[in-house]
């Protein structure tokens, strides 16, 4: 699977996942160290475009999570580390939701029929924790995010399996 990165000359470049992740993390590190973006001195104000920059950083990190779950979740299961990843992801989603960092377009499927998108974890509709019977809507309870933080291992693995990412 290739990922698209926009280089310094604004050209789209296809990259393998490890290189894309390295580019994203290097870019984020550069922004965090940039005094104009993240001021650390007393009396300095954040720039007016800071919310936009923060959302862009969040979106890129969300894509890294998507890759980890899509390509490496079985390894986390094998190492019995899925609870740690699920807890980190639950906290990440909660933080993004709390500070309005999730772009609506990032939360919905880009194509009809895709089995899972982040927005599925955040739908707030009454119903069971997860309904995955054939033909039924995949509904998550309104308190999923706080429940995932409290018991991330059970709920997140249940959600990923029910949404067709992992086999039961």
N, C-alpha and C. Protein backbone atom coordinates (compact mmCIF):
# COMPACT_ATOMS: atom_id res chain seq x y z
N UNK A 1 0.84 -1.17 0.00
CA UNK A 1 0.00 0.00 0.00
C UNK A 1 0.90 1.24 0.00
N UNK A 2 0.60 2.18 -0.88
CA UNK A 2 1.35 3.42 -0.97
C UNK A 2 0.54 4.57 -0.39
N UNK A 3 1.25 5.56 0.10
CA UNK A 3 0.64 6.77 0.65
C UNK A 3 1.15 7.96 -0.14
N UNK A 4 0.34 8.99 -0.22
CA UNK A 4 0.72 10.18 -0.98
C UNK A 4 1.22 11.26 -0.03
N UNK A 5 2.39 11.76 -0.34
CA UNK A 5 3.00 12.86 0.40
C UNK A 5 3.21 14.01 -0.57
N UNK A 6 2.97 15.22 -0.12
CA UNK A 6 3.21 16.39 -0.96
C UNK A 6 4.57 16.96 -0.55
N UNK A 7 5.51 16.94 -1.48
CA UNK A 7 6.88 17.37 -1.16
C UNK A 7 7.01 18.89 -1.15
N UNK A 8 8.23 19.38 -0.93
CA UNK A 8 8.49 20.81 -0.81
C UNK A 8 8.13 21.58 -2.07
N UNK A 9 8.19 20.94 -3.22
CA UNK A 9 7.84 21.62 -4.48
C UNK A 9 6.36 21.41 -4.85
N UNK A 10 5.57 20.95 -3.86
CA UNK A 10 4.12 20.73 -4.01
C UNK A 10 3.76 19.61 -4.98
N UNK A 11 4.70 18.71 -5.23
CA UNK A 11 4.43 17.53 -6.06
C UNK A 11 3.94 16.39 -5.18
N UNK A 12 3.02 15.62 -5.73
CA UNK A 12 2.53 14.43 -5.03
C UNK A 12 3.52 13.30 -5.27
N UNK A 13 3.93 12.67 -4.16
CA UNK A 13 4.91 11.58 -4.23
C UNK A 13 4.31 10.36 -3.54
N UNK A 14 4.33 9.22 -4.22
CA UNK A 14 3.87 7.97 -3.63
C UNK A 14 4.99 7.39 -2.78
N UNK A 15 4.65 7.03 -1.54
CA UNK A 15 5.63 6.49 -0.61
C UNK A 15 5.12 5.21 0.03
N UNK A 16 6.02 4.29 0.36
CA UNK A 16 5.62 3.13 1.17
C UNK A 16 5.32 3.61 2.60
N UNK A 17 4.54 2.85 3.32
CA UNK A 17 4.09 3.26 4.65
C UNK A 17 5.23 3.66 5.59
N UNK A 18 6.30 2.89 5.72
CA UNK A 18 7.35 3.31 6.68
C UNK A 18 7.94 4.68 6.35
N UNK A 19 8.15 4.95 5.09
CA UNK A 19 8.72 6.24 4.69
C UNK A 19 7.70 7.36 4.91
N UNK A 20 6.44 7.10 4.59
CA UNK A 20 5.39 8.09 4.81
C UNK A 20 5.29 8.44 6.29
N UNK A 21 5.29 7.42 7.15
CA UNK A 21 5.20 7.65 8.60
C UNK A 21 6.40 8.44 9.08
N UNK A 22 7.58 8.11 8.58
CA UNK A 22 8.78 8.87 8.95
C UNK A 22 8.65 10.33 8.53
N UNK A 23 8.16 10.57 7.33
CA UNK A 23 7.98 11.95 6.85
C UNK A 23 6.99 12.70 7.74
N UNK A 24 5.87 12.05 8.07
CA UNK A 24 4.86 12.70 8.90
C UNK A 24 5.44 13.04 10.27
N UNK A 25 6.10 12.08 10.90
CA UNK A 25 6.62 12.33 12.24
C UNK A 25 7.73 13.38 12.24
N UNK A 26 8.55 13.40 11.20
CA UNK A 26 9.59 14.42 11.08
C UNK A 26 8.96 15.80 10.88
N UNK A 27 7.92 15.86 10.05
CA UNK A 27 7.20 17.11 9.81
C UNK A 27 6.56 17.62 11.10
N UNK A 28 5.90 16.73 11.86
CA UNK A 28 5.26 17.12 13.11
C UNK A 28 6.31 17.61 14.11
N UNK A 29 7.42 16.90 14.20
CA UNK A 29 8.49 17.31 15.11
C UNK A 29 8.99 18.72 14.75
N UNK A 30 9.15 18.98 13.46
CA UNK A 30 9.59 20.31 13.02
C UNK A 30 8.59 21.39 13.41
N UNK A 31 7.30 21.09 13.29
CA UNK A 31 6.27 22.07 13.68
C UNK A 31 6.30 22.32 15.18
N UNK A 32 6.45 21.24 15.96
CA UNK A 32 6.47 21.39 17.42
C UNK A 32 7.66 22.23 17.86
N UNK A 33 8.78 22.09 17.18
CA UNK A 33 9.98 22.86 17.53
C UNK A 33 9.95 24.29 16.99
N UNK A 34 9.03 24.58 16.08
CA UNK A 34 8.93 25.90 15.47
C UNK A 34 8.25 26.87 16.44
N UNK A 35 9.01 27.85 16.90
CA UNK A 35 8.52 28.82 17.88
C UNK A 35 7.33 29.63 17.33
N UNK A 36 7.25 29.80 16.02
CA UNK A 36 6.14 30.54 15.42
C UNK A 36 4.84 29.73 15.46
N UNK A 37 4.94 28.42 15.48
CA UNK A 37 3.76 27.55 15.51
C UNK A 37 3.37 27.21 16.94
N UNK A 38 4.35 26.76 17.74
CA UNK A 38 4.15 26.40 19.13
C UNK A 38 5.03 27.28 20.02
N UNK A 39 4.56 28.49 20.34
CA UNK A 39 5.39 29.38 21.16
C UNK A 39 5.59 28.84 22.57
N UNK A 40 6.82 28.95 23.05
CA UNK A 40 7.14 28.47 24.40
C UNK A 40 7.55 29.60 25.33
N UNK A 41 7.81 30.76 24.79
CA UNK A 41 8.23 31.90 25.60
C UNK A 41 7.02 32.61 26.18
N UNK A 42 7.16 33.10 27.41
CA UNK A 42 6.08 33.82 28.07
C UNK A 42 5.70 35.05 27.24
N UNK A 43 4.40 35.29 27.14
CA UNK A 43 3.91 36.46 26.43
C UNK A 43 3.72 36.28 24.94
N UNK A 44 4.20 35.20 24.37
CA UNK A 44 4.03 34.95 22.94
C UNK A 44 2.65 34.35 22.70
N UNK A 45 2.01 34.78 21.66
CA UNK A 45 0.67 34.29 21.31
C UNK A 45 0.76 33.25 20.21
N UNK A 46 -0.21 32.34 20.19
CA UNK A 46 -0.33 31.39 19.09
C UNK A 46 -0.82 32.15 17.86
N UNK A 47 -0.39 31.71 16.69
CA UNK A 47 -0.82 32.37 15.47
C UNK A 47 -2.31 32.12 15.22
N UNK A 48 -2.96 33.00 14.46
CA UNK A 48 -4.39 32.82 14.18
C UNK A 48 -4.69 31.52 13.42
N UNK A 49 -3.72 31.00 12.68
CA UNK A 49 -3.97 29.76 11.93
C UNK A 49 -3.61 28.52 12.73
N UNK A 50 -3.33 28.66 14.02
CA UNK A 50 -2.97 27.51 14.84
C UNK A 50 -4.04 26.41 14.82
N UNK A 51 -5.34 26.72 14.94
CA UNK A 51 -6.33 25.64 14.90
C UNK A 51 -6.25 24.82 13.60
N UNK A 52 -6.00 25.48 12.49
CA UNK A 52 -5.87 24.77 11.21
C UNK A 52 -4.64 23.86 11.21
N UNK A 53 -3.53 24.37 11.73
CA UNK A 53 -2.30 23.57 11.81
C UNK A 53 -2.52 22.36 12.73
N UNK A 54 -3.16 22.58 13.87
CA UNK A 54 -3.42 21.49 14.81
C UNK A 54 -4.31 20.42 14.18
N UNK A 55 -5.32 20.83 13.43
CA UNK A 55 -6.20 19.85 12.76
C UNK A 55 -5.43 19.06 11.71
N UNK A 56 -4.54 19.74 11.00
CA UNK A 56 -3.75 19.05 9.98
C UNK A 56 -2.80 18.03 10.61
N UNK A 57 -2.17 18.40 11.71
CA UNK A 57 -1.30 17.46 12.44
C UNK A 57 -2.14 16.26 12.90
N UNK A 58 -3.29 16.54 13.48
CA UNK A 58 -4.15 15.48 13.99
C UNK A 58 -4.57 14.52 12.87
N UNK A 59 -4.92 15.08 11.72
CA UNK A 59 -5.33 14.26 10.59
C UNK A 59 -4.20 13.33 10.15
N UNK A 60 -2.98 13.86 10.09
CA UNK A 60 -1.85 13.03 9.68
C UNK A 60 -1.60 11.91 10.69
N UNK A 61 -1.69 12.23 11.99
CA UNK A 61 -1.50 11.20 13.01
C UNK A 61 -2.62 10.16 12.97
N UNK A 62 -3.82 10.60 12.64
CA UNK A 62 -4.95 9.68 12.48
C UNK A 62 -4.67 8.68 11.36
N UNK A 63 -4.05 9.13 10.30
CA UNK A 63 -3.70 8.23 9.19
C UNK A 63 -2.67 7.19 9.62
N UNK A 64 -1.77 7.58 10.51
CA UNK A 64 -0.80 6.61 11.03
C UNK A 64 -1.52 5.55 11.84
N UNK A 65 -2.46 5.97 12.68
CA UNK A 65 -3.25 4.98 13.43
C UNK A 65 -3.99 4.04 12.48
N UNK A 66 -4.57 4.60 11.43
CA UNK A 66 -5.30 3.77 10.46
C UNK A 66 -4.37 2.73 9.87
N UNK A 67 -3.15 3.12 9.54
CA UNK A 67 -2.19 2.16 9.00
C UNK A 67 -1.86 1.08 10.03
N UNK A 68 -1.61 1.49 11.27
CA UNK A 68 -1.27 0.51 12.31
C UNK A 68 -2.37 -0.53 12.47
N UNK A 69 -3.61 -0.07 12.50
CA UNK A 69 -4.72 -1.02 12.64
C UNK A 69 -4.90 -1.86 11.38
N UNK A 70 -4.81 -1.25 10.23
CA UNK A 70 -5.05 -1.97 8.98
C UNK A 70 -3.96 -3.01 8.70
N UNK A 71 -2.72 -2.64 8.90
CA UNK A 71 -1.62 -3.50 8.47
C UNK A 71 -0.94 -4.28 9.58
N UNK A 72 -1.12 -3.89 10.83
CA UNK A 72 -0.30 -4.50 11.89
C UNK A 72 -1.08 -4.97 13.11
N UNK A 73 -2.40 -4.92 13.09
CA UNK A 73 -3.14 -5.26 14.29
C UNK A 73 -2.91 -6.70 14.72
N UNK A 74 -2.72 -7.61 13.77
CA UNK A 74 -2.48 -9.00 14.13
C UNK A 74 -1.20 -9.14 14.95
N UNK A 75 -0.20 -8.32 14.66
CA UNK A 75 1.05 -8.35 15.43
C UNK A 75 0.78 -7.89 16.85
N UNK A 76 -0.01 -6.83 17.00
CA UNK A 76 -0.36 -6.36 18.34
C UNK A 76 -1.10 -7.45 19.11
N UNK A 77 -1.99 -8.18 18.42
CA UNK A 77 -2.70 -9.28 19.07
C UNK A 77 -1.73 -10.38 19.49
N UNK A 78 -0.83 -10.74 18.59
CA UNK A 78 0.14 -11.80 18.87
C UNK A 78 1.00 -11.45 20.09
N UNK A 79 1.36 -10.19 20.21
CA UNK A 79 2.20 -9.74 21.32
C UNK A 79 1.39 -9.36 22.57
N UNK A 80 0.08 -9.56 22.49
CA UNK A 80 -0.84 -9.19 23.58
C UNK A 80 -0.70 -7.72 23.95
N UNK A 81 -0.51 -6.88 22.94
CA UNK A 81 -0.34 -5.45 23.16
C UNK A 81 -1.51 -4.64 22.61
N UNK A 82 -2.55 -5.31 22.14
CA UNK A 82 -3.66 -4.58 21.52
C UNK A 82 -4.35 -3.66 22.50
N UNK A 83 -4.36 -4.02 23.77
CA UNK A 83 -4.98 -3.15 24.77
C UNK A 83 -4.28 -1.80 24.87
N UNK A 84 -2.97 -1.82 24.74
CA UNK A 84 -2.21 -0.57 24.79
C UNK A 84 -2.53 0.30 23.57
N UNK A 85 -2.53 -0.32 22.39
CA UNK A 85 -2.84 0.43 21.17
C UNK A 85 -4.27 0.95 21.23
N UNK A 86 -5.20 0.11 21.64
CA UNK A 86 -6.60 0.52 21.71
C UNK A 86 -6.81 1.66 22.70
N UNK A 87 -6.13 1.59 23.84
CA UNK A 87 -6.24 2.64 24.84
C UNK A 87 -5.66 3.96 24.31
N UNK A 88 -4.50 3.87 23.67
CA UNK A 88 -3.89 5.07 23.08
C UNK A 88 -4.82 5.68 22.03
N UNK A 89 -5.40 4.83 21.19
CA UNK A 89 -6.29 5.31 20.15
C UNK A 89 -7.56 5.92 20.73
N UNK A 90 -8.11 5.30 21.76
CA UNK A 90 -9.30 5.85 22.42
C UNK A 90 -9.01 7.23 23.00
N UNK A 91 -7.87 7.37 23.65
CA UNK A 91 -7.48 8.67 24.18
C UNK A 91 -7.27 9.69 23.05
N UNK A 92 -6.66 9.24 21.97
CA UNK A 92 -6.42 10.10 20.81
C UNK A 92 -7.74 10.60 20.24
N UNK A 93 -8.71 9.71 20.07
CA UNK A 93 -10.03 10.11 19.56
C UNK A 93 -10.74 11.05 20.52
N UNK A 94 -10.66 10.75 21.81
CA UNK A 94 -11.31 11.59 22.81
C UNK A 94 -10.72 12.99 22.80
N UNK A 95 -9.40 13.08 22.72
CA UNK A 95 -8.72 14.37 22.66
C UNK A 95 -9.15 15.14 21.41
N UNK A 96 -9.18 14.47 20.28
CA UNK A 96 -9.57 15.10 19.03
C UNK A 96 -11.00 15.60 19.05
N UNK A 97 -11.85 14.82 19.65
CA UNK A 97 -13.25 15.22 19.74
C UNK A 97 -13.42 16.39 20.71
N UNK A 98 -12.72 16.33 21.83
CA UNK A 98 -12.80 17.38 22.84
C UNK A 98 -12.36 18.74 22.29
N UNK A 99 -11.31 18.73 21.48
CA UNK A 99 -10.75 19.99 20.98
C UNK A 99 -11.08 20.25 19.51
N UNK A 100 -12.11 19.57 19.02
CA UNK A 100 -12.63 19.82 17.67
C UNK A 100 -11.54 19.68 16.60
N UNK A 101 -10.75 18.62 16.69
CA UNK A 101 -9.66 18.40 15.75
C UNK A 101 -10.03 17.46 14.61
N UNK A 102 -11.16 16.79 14.73
CA UNK A 102 -11.58 15.86 13.69
C UNK A 102 -12.33 16.59 12.59
N UNK A 103 -11.81 16.51 11.39
CA UNK A 103 -12.50 17.08 10.23
C UNK A 103 -13.62 16.10 9.85
N UNK A 104 -14.83 16.58 9.61
CA UNK A 104 -15.92 15.67 9.24
C UNK A 104 -15.58 14.77 8.05
N UNK A 105 -14.86 15.28 7.04
CA UNK A 105 -14.54 14.46 5.88
C UNK A 105 -13.60 13.32 6.23
N UNK A 106 -12.84 13.46 7.31
CA UNK A 106 -11.93 12.39 7.74
C UNK A 106 -12.68 11.28 8.47
N UNK A 107 -13.91 11.55 8.85
CA UNK A 107 -14.67 10.61 9.67
C UNK A 107 -15.65 9.77 8.86
N UNK A 108 -15.72 9.95 7.58
CA UNK A 108 -16.68 9.21 6.76
C UNK A 108 -15.95 8.49 5.65
N UNK A 109 -16.58 7.44 5.18
CA UNK A 109 -15.96 6.62 4.13
C UNK A 109 -15.82 7.42 2.83
N UNK A 110 -14.66 7.33 2.18
CA UNK A 110 -14.50 8.02 0.92
C UNK A 110 -15.27 7.34 -0.21
N UNK A 111 -15.60 6.07 -0.04
CA UNK A 111 -16.35 5.34 -1.06
C UNK A 111 -17.46 4.55 -0.38
N UNK A 112 -18.55 4.42 -1.07
CA UNK A 112 -19.67 3.61 -0.59
C UNK A 112 -19.22 2.16 -0.44
N UNK A 113 -19.60 1.54 0.66
CA UNK A 113 -19.32 0.13 0.85
C UNK A 113 -18.03 -0.18 1.57
N UNK A 114 -17.25 0.85 1.95
CA UNK A 114 -16.04 0.58 2.73
C UNK A 114 -16.48 0.03 4.07
N UNK A 115 -15.79 -0.99 4.60
CA UNK A 115 -16.26 -1.67 5.80
C UNK A 115 -16.12 -0.89 7.09
N UNK A 116 -15.25 0.12 7.15
CA UNK A 116 -15.01 0.79 8.42
C UNK A 116 -14.42 2.17 8.19
N UNK A 117 -14.87 3.11 8.97
CA UNK A 117 -14.27 4.44 9.01
C UNK A 117 -14.28 4.92 10.45
N UNK A 118 -13.46 5.89 10.77
CA UNK A 118 -13.36 6.41 12.13
C UNK A 118 -14.71 6.90 12.63
N UNK A 119 -15.49 7.52 11.76
CA UNK A 119 -16.80 8.02 12.16
C UNK A 119 -17.70 6.94 12.74
N UNK A 120 -17.51 5.69 12.33
CA UNK A 120 -18.30 4.59 12.88
C UNK A 120 -18.07 4.44 14.38
N UNK A 121 -16.87 4.75 14.84
CA UNK A 121 -16.59 4.66 16.27
C UNK A 121 -17.22 5.81 17.04
N UNK A 122 -17.60 6.85 16.34
CA UNK A 122 -18.04 8.04 17.03
C UNK A 122 -19.51 8.35 16.82
N UNK A 123 -20.23 7.52 16.06
CA UNK A 123 -21.65 7.75 15.89
C UNK A 123 -22.33 7.70 17.25
N UNK A 124 -23.16 8.65 17.50
CA UNK A 124 -23.86 8.70 18.78
C UNK A 124 -25.32 8.43 18.52
N UNK A 125 -25.67 7.16 18.62
CA UNK A 125 -27.05 6.73 18.44
C UNK A 125 -27.34 5.67 19.48
N UNK A 126 -28.55 5.63 19.99
CA UNK A 126 -28.85 4.59 20.96
C UNK A 126 -28.77 3.22 20.29
N UNK A 127 -28.42 2.25 21.06
CA UNK A 127 -28.36 0.90 20.53
C UNK A 127 -27.36 0.08 21.32
N UNK A 128 -27.20 -1.16 20.93
CA UNK A 128 -26.25 -2.01 21.64
C UNK A 128 -24.83 -1.52 21.39
N UNK A 129 -23.89 -2.05 22.18
CA UNK A 129 -22.50 -1.67 21.99
C UNK A 129 -22.10 -1.93 20.55
N UNK A 130 -22.47 -3.06 20.03
CA UNK A 130 -22.14 -3.35 18.65
C UNK A 130 -23.14 -4.35 18.11
N UNK A 131 -23.70 -4.06 16.97
CA UNK A 131 -24.60 -4.98 16.30
C UNK A 131 -23.96 -5.35 14.98
N UNK A 132 -23.55 -6.60 14.84
CA UNK A 132 -22.85 -6.97 13.62
C UNK A 132 -23.54 -8.10 12.87
N UNK A 133 -24.82 -8.33 13.17
CA UNK A 133 -25.51 -9.38 12.43
C UNK A 133 -25.73 -8.93 11.00
N UNK A 134 -25.76 -9.89 10.08
CA UNK A 134 -25.91 -9.53 8.66
C UNK A 134 -27.12 -8.64 8.43
N UNK A 135 -26.90 -7.56 7.68
CA UNK A 135 -27.98 -6.66 7.33
C UNK A 135 -28.30 -5.62 8.37
N UNK A 136 -27.73 -5.74 9.57
CA UNK A 136 -28.04 -4.74 10.59
C UNK A 136 -27.07 -3.58 10.51
N UNK A 137 -27.51 -2.44 10.97
CA UNK A 137 -26.61 -1.29 11.03
C UNK A 137 -25.58 -1.53 12.12
N UNK A 138 -24.40 -1.07 11.88
CA UNK A 138 -23.35 -1.19 12.90
C UNK A 138 -23.46 0.02 13.79
N UNK A 139 -24.01 -0.18 14.98
CA UNK A 139 -24.30 0.92 15.88
C UNK A 139 -23.45 0.78 17.14
N UNK A 140 -22.84 1.86 17.56
CA UNK A 140 -22.07 1.86 18.79
C UNK A 140 -22.79 2.74 19.81
N UNK A 141 -22.68 2.40 21.07
CA UNK A 141 -23.40 3.13 22.10
C UNK A 141 -22.89 4.56 22.25
N UNK A 142 -23.70 5.46 22.78
CA UNK A 142 -23.32 6.86 22.90
C UNK A 142 -22.10 7.08 23.78
N UNK A 143 -21.84 6.20 24.69
CA UNK A 143 -20.71 6.39 25.61
C UNK A 143 -19.50 5.59 25.19
N UNK A 144 -19.39 5.26 23.89
CA UNK A 144 -18.30 4.39 23.46
C UNK A 144 -16.94 4.95 23.79
N UNK A 145 -16.71 6.22 23.51
CA UNK A 145 -15.37 6.74 23.73
C UNK A 145 -14.98 6.68 25.19
N UNK A 146 -15.86 7.08 26.09
CA UNK A 146 -15.49 7.00 27.51
C UNK A 146 -15.40 5.55 27.96
N UNK A 147 -16.23 4.69 27.40
CA UNK A 147 -16.15 3.27 27.74
C UNK A 147 -14.85 2.66 27.23
N UNK A 148 -14.42 3.09 26.02
CA UNK A 148 -13.18 2.55 25.48
C UNK A 148 -12.00 2.96 26.35
N UNK A 149 -12.04 4.17 26.88
CA UNK A 149 -10.95 4.60 27.75
C UNK A 149 -10.95 3.73 29.00
N UNK A 150 -12.14 3.45 29.54
CA UNK A 150 -12.23 2.65 30.76
C UNK A 150 -11.90 1.18 30.51
N UNK A 151 -12.31 0.65 29.38
CA UNK A 151 -12.09 -0.76 29.12
C UNK A 151 -11.75 -0.94 27.64
N UNK A 152 -10.63 -0.36 27.22
CA UNK A 152 -10.29 -0.29 25.81
C UNK A 152 -10.06 -1.66 25.18
N UNK A 153 -9.46 -2.55 25.88
CA UNK A 153 -9.12 -3.86 25.30
C UNK A 153 -10.37 -4.56 24.79
N UNK A 154 -11.35 -4.70 25.65
CA UNK A 154 -12.56 -5.43 25.29
C UNK A 154 -13.36 -4.72 24.21
N UNK A 155 -13.69 -3.45 24.42
CA UNK A 155 -14.56 -2.75 23.49
C UNK A 155 -13.92 -2.50 22.14
N UNK A 156 -12.66 -2.11 22.14
CA UNK A 156 -12.03 -1.81 20.85
C UNK A 156 -11.86 -3.07 20.02
N UNK A 157 -11.41 -4.16 20.64
CA UNK A 157 -11.27 -5.38 19.84
C UNK A 157 -12.63 -5.87 19.37
N UNK A 158 -13.65 -5.68 20.20
CA UNK A 158 -15.01 -6.05 19.79
C UNK A 158 -15.44 -5.18 18.61
N UNK A 159 -15.14 -3.90 18.68
CA UNK A 159 -15.52 -2.99 17.60
C UNK A 159 -14.79 -3.33 16.31
N UNK A 160 -13.49 -3.54 16.37
CA UNK A 160 -12.71 -3.84 15.16
C UNK A 160 -13.20 -5.15 14.54
N UNK A 161 -13.45 -6.16 15.35
CA UNK A 161 -13.95 -7.43 14.81
C UNK A 161 -15.33 -7.25 14.19
N UNK A 162 -16.20 -6.55 14.90
CA UNK A 162 -17.57 -6.35 14.41
C UNK A 162 -17.63 -5.52 13.15
N UNK A 163 -16.67 -4.64 12.98
CA UNK A 163 -16.66 -3.79 11.79
C UNK A 163 -15.94 -4.45 10.63
N UNK A 164 -15.51 -5.70 10.81
CA UNK A 164 -14.93 -6.45 9.71
C UNK A 164 -13.44 -6.26 9.53
N UNK A 165 -12.77 -5.57 10.47
CA UNK A 165 -11.34 -5.38 10.34
C UNK A 165 -10.60 -6.65 10.77
N UNK A 166 -11.09 -7.30 11.80
CA UNK A 166 -10.45 -8.52 12.31
C UNK A 166 -11.45 -9.67 12.27
N UNK A 167 -10.94 -10.83 12.05
CA UNK A 167 -11.80 -12.00 12.09
C UNK A 167 -12.03 -12.38 13.56
N UNK A 168 -13.23 -12.89 13.90
CA UNK A 168 -13.48 -13.29 15.30
C UNK A 168 -12.62 -14.47 15.71
